[in-house]
Structures are given as structure tokens and as C-alpha cells.
Protein backbone atom coordinates (compact mmCIF):
# COMPACT_ATOMS: atom_id res chain seq x y z
CA MET A 1 117.38 70.04 101.31
CA ASP A 2 113.95 71.68 101.21
CA GLY A 3 110.85 70.10 99.67
CA ALA A 4 110.81 72.14 96.46
CA GLN A 5 114.45 71.38 95.77
CA TRP A 6 113.90 67.67 96.42
CA HIS A 7 110.87 67.66 94.09
CA LEU A 8 112.91 69.32 91.32
CA LEU A 9 115.83 66.91 91.74
CA LYS A 10 113.53 63.90 91.87
CA HIS A 11 112.03 64.77 88.51
CA THR A 12 115.13 66.07 86.74
CA LEU A 13 117.49 63.30 87.79
CA THR A 14 115.07 60.48 86.97
CA ASN A 15 113.67 61.73 83.66
CA ASP A 16 115.54 60.47 80.59
CA GLY A 17 118.47 59.31 82.71
CA PRO A 18 119.94 55.82 82.73
CA ASN A 19 120.92 56.07 86.42
CA PRO A 20 118.45 55.53 89.24
CA LEU A 21 117.72 58.55 91.43
CA GLY A 22 120.03 57.47 94.26
CA SER A 23 122.99 57.02 91.94
CA SER A 24 122.36 60.31 90.11
CA LEU A 25 121.93 62.20 93.37
CA GLN A 26 125.13 60.66 94.75
CA ASN A 27 127.04 61.71 91.60
CA GLU A 28 125.73 65.28 91.91
CA LEU A 29 126.54 65.38 95.64
CA THR A 30 130.09 64.10 95.01
CA ARG A 31 130.59 66.75 92.33
CA HIS A 32 129.14 69.42 94.63
CA LEU A 33 131.51 68.50 97.46
CA ARG A 34 134.48 68.58 95.06
CA LEU A 35 133.45 72.05 93.79
CA ASP A 36 132.92 73.22 97.37
CA LYS A 37 136.57 72.42 98.17
CA ASP A 38 137.87 74.19 95.04
CA GLU A 39 139.08 77.67 95.99
CA LYS A 40 138.45 78.97 92.44
CA HIS A 41 134.78 77.97 92.44
CA ARG A 42 131.97 80.21 93.64
CA PHE A 43 128.31 79.39 94.11
CA PHE A 44 126.50 82.60 93.20
CA SER A 45 123.41 83.86 95.01
CA TRP A 46 120.05 83.33 93.38
CA LYS A 47 119.48 87.10 93.54
CA LEU A 48 122.54 87.68 91.32
CA LEU A 49 121.57 84.84 88.98
CA ARG A 50 118.02 86.20 88.62
CA THR A 51 119.48 89.60 87.72
CA LEU A 52 121.81 88.08 85.11
CA LYS A 53 118.94 86.01 83.71
CA SER A 54 116.83 89.13 83.35
CA VAL A 55 119.55 91.37 81.88
CA PHE A 56 120.70 88.85 79.27
CA HIS A 57 117.28 87.16 78.73
CA ALA A 58 119.01 83.90 79.57
CA THR A 59 117.01 80.70 79.46
CA LYS A 60 119.86 78.29 80.19
CA TYR A 61 122.39 77.85 83.01
CA GLN A 62 125.75 76.13 82.54
CA GLY A 63 127.93 74.79 85.34
CA ASP A 64 127.59 73.70 88.95
CA THR A 65 125.45 70.77 90.06
CA ALA A 66 121.76 69.89 89.96
CA ILE A 67 121.76 70.54 93.70
CA THR A 68 122.68 74.23 93.34
CA ILE A 69 121.35 75.32 89.94
CA PRO A 70 118.34 77.60 90.43
CA PRO A 71 115.06 76.14 89.12
CA PHE A 72 114.07 79.40 87.42
CA PHE A 73 116.21 78.58 84.38
CA GLN A 74 114.29 76.75 81.64
CA ASP A 75 117.29 74.57 80.78
CA ALA A 76 120.41 73.58 82.69
CA GLY A 77 123.49 71.68 81.68
CA ARG A 78 127.24 71.25 81.73
CA GLY A 79 129.16 71.48 78.47
CA THR A 80 126.96 69.74 75.91
CA GLY A 81 125.28 67.59 78.58
CA LYS A 82 121.76 68.21 79.86
CA ILE A 83 120.77 68.30 83.52
CA TRP A 84 117.19 69.34 82.80
CA GLY A 85 115.15 70.99 80.08
CA GLU A 86 115.39 70.61 76.34
CA VAL A 87 118.46 70.16 74.17
CA ASN A 88 118.09 72.88 71.53
CA ALA A 89 119.85 72.81 68.17
CA SER A 90 120.14 76.59 68.19
CA PRO A 91 122.12 78.29 70.95
CA GLN A 92 120.23 79.95 73.77
CA PRO A 93 121.18 82.98 75.84
CA MET A 94 122.84 81.50 78.91
CA VAL A 95 124.55 82.24 82.18
CA ILE A 96 127.81 80.30 82.53
CA ASN A 97 129.69 79.60 85.74
CA TRP A 98 132.97 78.54 84.10
CA PRO A 99 134.62 77.19 87.27
CA GLY A 100 131.58 74.93 87.68
CA LEU A 101 132.59 73.03 84.53
CA ASN A 102 135.43 70.54 84.24
CA ASP A 103 138.01 70.73 81.43
CA LYS A 104 136.10 68.41 79.11
CA GLU A 105 132.84 70.34 79.60
CA ASN A 106 134.67 73.66 79.09
CA THR A 107 136.14 72.42 75.81
CA LYS A 108 132.78 71.20 74.50
CA LEU A 109 131.04 74.43 75.48
CA ILE A 110 133.76 76.63 73.95
CA LEU A 111 133.51 74.65 70.71
CA THR A 112 129.73 75.09 70.68
CA LEU A 113 129.97 78.81 71.43
CA SER A 114 132.65 79.37 68.80
CA THR A 115 130.34 78.12 66.06
CA THR A 116 127.60 80.65 66.86
CA ASP A 117 127.26 84.37 66.31
CA ASN A 118 125.56 85.04 69.66
């Protein structure tokens, strides 16, 4: 893990979270390893994600783990949960990696998206 990624994780996993950094990091690592073994899941390149962000003016990323989400998104989360950034009442343009969400997170996100006109 490079220095910039560690710095981002250190601040995002300790701010506003009830878990200490070690516990949060272990949870994210466990989730990452589980996704890595899932044949349906893909971790997309940052080049592709930057392009999608630009095309759709996305400010939020949904799915994956705090270890792999690119730091160039203003907000990141899974379902209705926040990994970093602000929780906004109004929906934001977002890039979603559906296989990076579990069933519960998928359901919550679909419900949120179905109540918007975006």
C-alpha cells in the first residue's frame, strides 16, 4: 500500500467511525479478499473510472472497498452507507460497481435510486 493510499485510509476510516483504524482496515481487507475471489466482481482501472466520472459528472462512487476506491471521487459509499465524504439528502451523479455491493446494499441503493428522477 503506497503512502497516499495509506494517508487516505487513515483519515477516512477513523473519521466519524466507531471502529478503531485497525478494526476498520481489517474489515475492508476481509471484504476486499472476498470480492477478489468472486468471479463476477471486477476492479476497474482508475483510467476507466476517471473517464466515467468525467462523462457523467459523477461525484460519488458506490461499491468495492475503501482500499480500492479511487480518491478522486468526492464521496464514496456502499448502499446507503458512507465510506468517506458527505451524506447528501439529494442524489448525486455516481458511478456504481454493482458486483461490489452485497444484497442488502444493492436493495438499499435501488430503493434510493427509485425515488429520484436522475
